[in-house]
Amino acid sequence: MIIVVGMVIVSHSKKLAHEIIELCNEMKKYDFPVINGSGTTGDHLGSDPMIIKEAIENAYSEDGVLIFGDIGSSILNSEMAMEFLDAEYDRAKIKIADAPIVEGTLIAMAINDGKTSLEEILEELKDLKNFNKV
């Protein structure tokens, strides 16, 4: 059975999220949705719960959705977006990653290999708490 976890990238900059997705697409082994849920109406910097909600709906999979946010309000607005979802979306299967947006997305996309569950991806991301680059 192939497990496919959808992903949503939420940055205050839609362009930054787009570039993160482009970079991390190189690591994808399977076809799964990675949706840009960034920015605001009018393409201003910031985040908007309704844009994030739509991104979650487009990334939704029965195997789950993992959301990566950059800072502060992107996380708060992601939590708010989850509250706005209709009952057809199982909120227990939608998680916000507590990981750096670039490194976390990169690792998650690399290990979302058709066998790794949402919980296993989250467990793997815990190692990033003490990740040293140098």
C-alpha atoms as a PDB file:
ATOM      1  CA  MET A   1       0.000   0.000   0.000  1.00  0.00           C
ATOM      2  CA  ILE A   2       1.377   3.391  -0.965  1.00  0.00           C
ATOM      3  CA  ILE A   3       1.167   6.040   1.735  1.00  0.00           C
ATOM      4  CA  VAL A   4       1.077   9.561   0.345  1.00  0.00           C
ATOM      5  CA  VAL A   5       1.204  12.501   2.725  1.00  0.00           C
ATOM      6  CA  GLY A   6       0.275  15.850   1.199  1.00  0.00           C
ATOM      7  CA  MET A   7       2.241  18.952   2.180  1.00  0.00           C
ATOM      8  CA  VAL A   8       1.482  22.649   2.545  1.00  0.00           C
ATOM      9  CA  ILE A   9       4.163  25.337   2.711  1.00  0.00           C
ATOM     10  CA  VAL A  10       3.140  28.515   4.561  1.00  0.00           C
ATOM     11  CA  SER A  11       5.539  31.431   4.411  1.00  0.00           C
ATOM     12  CA  HIS A  12       4.917  35.136   4.732  1.00  0.00           C
ATOM     13  CA  SER A  13       6.335  35.305   1.210  1.00  0.00           C
ATOM     14  CA  LYS A  14       4.577  33.412  -1.567  1.00  0.00           C
ATOM     15  CA  LYS A  15       7.772  33.676  -3.655  1.00  0.00           C
ATOM     16  CA  LEU A  16       9.908  32.180  -0.889  1.00  0.00           C
ATOM     17  CA  ALA A  17       7.526  29.238  -0.474  1.00  0.00           C
ATOM     18  CA  HIS A  18       7.543  28.704  -4.242  1.00  0.00           C
ATOM     19  CA  GLU A  19      11.348  28.515  -4.233  1.00  0.00           C
ATOM     20  CA  ILE A  20      11.349  26.099  -1.270  1.00  0.00           C
ATOM     21  CA  ILE A  21       8.938  23.862  -3.168  1.00  0.00           C
ATOM     22  CA  GLU A  22      11.085  24.054  -6.316  1.00  0.00           C
ATOM     23  CA  LEU A  23      14.238  23.125  -4.380  1.00  0.00           C
ATOM     24  CA  CYS A  24      12.594  20.306  -2.487  1.00  0.00           C
ATOM     25  CA  ASN A  25      10.838  18.868  -5.553  1.00  0.00           C
ATOM     26  CA  GLU A  26      14.241  17.466  -6.488  1.00  0.00           C
ATOM     27  CA  MET A  27      13.943  15.099  -3.512  1.00  0.00           C
ATOM     28  CA  LYS A  28      10.490  13.724  -4.336  1.00  0.00           C
ATOM     29  CA  LYS A  29      10.345  10.015  -5.087  1.00  0.00           C
ATOM     30  CA  TYR A  30       6.571   9.836  -5.557  1.00  0.00           C
ATOM     31  CA  ASP A  31       3.915  12.146  -6.870  1.00  0.00           C
ATOM     32  CA  PHE A  32       2.152  13.819  -3.958  1.00  0.00           C
ATOM     33  CA  PRO A  33       0.706  17.286  -3.576  1.00  0.00           C
ATOM     34  CA  VAL A  34       2.920  20.074  -2.262  1.00  0.00           C
ATOM     35  CA  ILE A  35       0.831  23.228  -2.162  1.00  0.00           C
ATOM     36  CA  ASN A  36       1.885  26.824  -1.606  1.00  0.00           C
ATOM     37  CA  GLY A  37      -0.406  28.239   1.085  1.00  0.00           C
ATOM     38  CA  SER A  38       1.507  31.477   1.486  1.00  0.00           C
ATOM     39  CA  GLY A  39       0.876  35.154   1.186  1.00  0.00           C
ATOM     40  CA  THR A  40      -2.283  37.204   1.346  1.00  0.00           C
ATOM     41  CA  THR A  41      -4.902  38.448  -1.068  1.00  0.00           C
ATOM     42  CA  GLY A  42      -3.178  40.950  -3.317  1.00  0.00           C
ATOM     43  CA  ASP A  43       0.152  39.157  -2.869  1.00  0.00           C
ATOM     44  CA  HIS A  44       1.218  41.182   0.137  1.00  0.00           C
ATOM     45  CA  LEU A  45       3.615  39.696   2.676  1.00  0.00           C
ATOM     46  CA  GLY A  46       1.857  37.788   5.433  1.00  0.00           C
ATOM     47  CA  SER A  47      -0.375  34.773   5.788  1.00  0.00           C
ATOM     48  CA  ASP A  48      -4.103  34.293   5.433  1.00  0.00           C
ATOM     49  CA  PRO A  49      -6.087  31.459   7.069  1.00  0.00           C
ATOM     50  CA  MET A  50      -8.427  31.181   4.078  1.00  0.00           C
ATOM     51  CA  ILE A  51      -5.535  30.763   1.628  1.00  0.00           C
ATOM     52  CA  ILE A  52      -4.033  28.155   3.959  1.00  0.00           C
ATOM     53  CA  LYS A  53      -7.410  26.390   4.282  1.00  0.00           C
ATOM     54  CA  GLU A  54      -7.672  26.094   0.508  1.00  0.00           C
ATOM     55  CA  ALA A  55      -4.103  24.782   0.323  1.00  0.00           C
ATOM     56  CA  ILE A  56      -4.872  22.131   2.965  1.00  0.00           C
ATOM     57  CA  GLU A  57      -7.952  21.051   1.011  1.00  0.00           C
ATOM     58  CA  ASN A  58      -5.875  20.759  -2.187  1.00  0.00           C
ATOM     59  CA  ALA A  59      -3.117  18.795  -0.432  1.00  0.00           C
ATOM     60  CA  TYR A  60      -5.461  16.581   1.580  1.00  0.00           C
ATOM     61  CA  SER A  61      -4.868  12.879   1.497  1.00  0.00           C
ATOM     62  CA  GLU A  62      -6.373  10.084   3.574  1.00  0.00           C
ATOM     63  CA  ASP A  63      -2.788   9.546   4.747  1.00  0.00           C
ATOM     64  CA  GLY A  64      -2.552  13.096   6.056  1.00  0.00           C
ATOM     65  CA  VAL A  65      -1.278  16.582   5.439  1.00  0.00           C
ATOM     66  CA  LEU A  66       1.874  18.100   6.868  1.00  0.00           C
ATOM     67  CA  ILE A  67       2.111  21.885   7.117  1.00  0.00           C
ATOM     68  CA  PHE A  68       5.428  23.746   7.257  1.00  0.00           C
ATOM     69  CA  GLY A  69       5.366  27.365   8.425  1.00  0.00           C
ATOM     70  CA  ASP A  70       8.069  29.982   8.665  1.00  0.00           C
ATOM     71  CA  ILE A  71       7.326  32.181  11.691  1.00  0.00           C
ATOM     72  CA  GLY A  72       4.679  33.269  14.194  1.00  0.00           C
ATOM     73  CA  SER A  73       1.473  34.119  12.426  1.00  0.00           C
ATOM     74  CA  SER A  74       1.987  31.509   9.704  1.00  0.00           C
ATOM     75  CA  ILE A  75       1.616  28.898  12.448  1.00  0.00           C
ATOM     76  CA  LEU A  76      -1.288  30.680  14.131  1.00  0.00           C
ATOM     77  CA  ASN A  77      -3.066  31.153  10.805  1.00  0.00           C
ATOM     78  CA  SER A  78      -2.466  27.489   9.932  1.00  0.00           C
ATOM     79  CA  GLU A  79      -4.132  26.480  13.198  1.00  0.00           C
ATOM     80  CA  MET A  80      -7.021  28.819  12.415  1.00  0.00           C
ATOM     81  CA  ALA A  81      -7.310  27.427   8.880  1.00  0.00           C
ATOM     82  CA  MET A  82      -7.645  23.920  10.293  1.00  0.00           C
ATOM     83  CA  GLU A  83     -10.591  25.120  12.396  1.00  0.00           C
ATOM     84  CA  PHE A  84     -12.351  26.376   9.249  1.00  0.00           C
ATOM     85  CA  LEU A  85     -12.183  23.004   7.478  1.00  0.00           C
ATOM     86  CA  ASP A  86     -15.419  21.177   6.745  1.00  0.00           C
ATOM     87  CA  ALA A  87     -16.136  17.901   8.573  1.00  0.00           C
ATOM     88  CA  GLU A  88     -15.066  15.872   5.520  1.00  0.00           C
ATOM     89  CA  TYR A  89     -11.435  16.678   6.402  1.00  0.00           C
ATOM     90  CA  ASP A  90     -10.101  14.657   9.333  1.00  0.00           C
ATOM     91  CA  ARG A  91      -8.247  17.256  11.421  1.00  0.00           C
ATOM     92  CA  ALA A  92      -6.415  14.498  13.299  1.00  0.00           C
ATOM     93  CA  LYS A  93      -4.612  13.748  10.030  1.00  0.00           C
ATOM     94  CA  ILE A  94      -3.441  17.348   9.567  1.00  0.00           C
ATOM     95  CA  LYS A  95      -0.298  18.282  11.474  1.00  0.00           C
ATOM     96  CA  ILE A  96       1.936  21.326  11.678  1.00  0.00           C
ATOM     97  CA  ALA A  97       5.604  20.390  11.569  1.00  0.00           C
ATOM     98  CA  ASP A  98       7.752  21.790  14.354  1.00  0.00           C
ATOM     99  CA  ALA A  99      10.761  22.056  12.064  1.00  0.00           C
ATOM    100  CA  PRO A 100      12.676  24.637  10.013  1.00  0.00           C
ATOM    101  CA  ILE A 101      10.725  25.387   6.856  1.00  0.00           C
ATOM    102  CA  VAL A 102      13.513  24.615   4.351  1.00  0.00           C
ATOM    103  CA  GLU A 103      15.308  21.722   6.019  1.00  0.00           C
ATOM    104  CA  GLY A 104      12.066  20.237   7.296  1.00  0.00           C
ATOM    105  CA  THR A 105      10.393  20.341   3.904  1.00  0.00           C
ATOM    106  CA  LEU A 106      13.486  18.899   2.255  1.00  0.00           C
ATOM    107  CA  ILE A 107      13.655  15.927   4.610  1.00  0.00           C
ATOM    108  CA  ALA A 108       9.899  15.329   4.605  1.00  0.00           C
ATOM    109  CA  MET A 109       9.746  15.299   0.815  1.00  0.00           C
ATOM    110  CA  ALA A 110      12.721  12.938   0.624  1.00  0.00           C
ATOM    111  CA  ILE A 111      11.283  10.388   3.057  1.00  0.00           C
ATOM    112  CA  ASN A 112       7.658  10.606   1.875  1.00  0.00           C
ATOM    113  CA  ASP A 113       8.446   7.487  -0.097  1.00  0.00           C
ATOM    114  CA  GLY A 114       5.150   5.715  -0.278  1.00  0.00           C
ATOM    115  CA  LYS A 115       5.793   3.686   2.878  1.00  0.00           C
ATOM    116  CA  THR A 116       6.354   6.347   5.545  1.00  0.00           C
ATOM    117  CA  SER A 117       3.370   7.488   7.600  1.00  0.00           C
ATOM    118  CA  LEU A 118       2.648  11.025   8.739  1.00  0.00           C
ATOM    119  CA  GLU A 119       3.661  10.082  12.292  1.00  0.00           C
ATOM    120  CA  GLU A 120       6.940   8.567  11.063  1.00  0.00           C
ATOM    121  CA  ILE A 121       7.753  11.741   9.125  1.00  0.00           C
ATOM    122  CA  LEU A 122       7.035  13.853  12.214  1.00  0.00           C
ATOM    123  CA  GLU A 123       9.271  11.576  14.289  1.00  0.00           C
ATOM    124  CA  GLU A 124      12.096  11.968  11.768  1.00  0.00           C
ATOM    125  CA  LEU A 125      11.734  15.764  11.867  1.00  0.00           C
ATOM    126  CA  LYS A 126      12.383  15.800  15.628  1.00  0.00           C
ATOM    127  CA  ASP A 127      16.087  15.347  14.869  1.00  0.00           C
ATOM    128  CA  LEU A 128      16.127  18.820  13.314  1.00  0.00           C
ATOM    129  CA  LYS A 129      15.765  20.369  16.780  1.00  0.00           C
ATOM    130  CA  ASN A 130      19.491  19.779  17.291  1.00  0.00           C
ATOM    131  CA  PHE A 131      20.638  19.900  13.682  1.00  0.00           C
ATOM    132  CA  ASN A 132      24.059  21.443  13.239  1.00  0.00           C
ATOM    133  CA  LYS A 133      25.102  22.737   9.845  1.00  0.00           C
ATOM    134  CA  VAL A 134      28.726  23.380  10.730  1.00  0.00           C
END
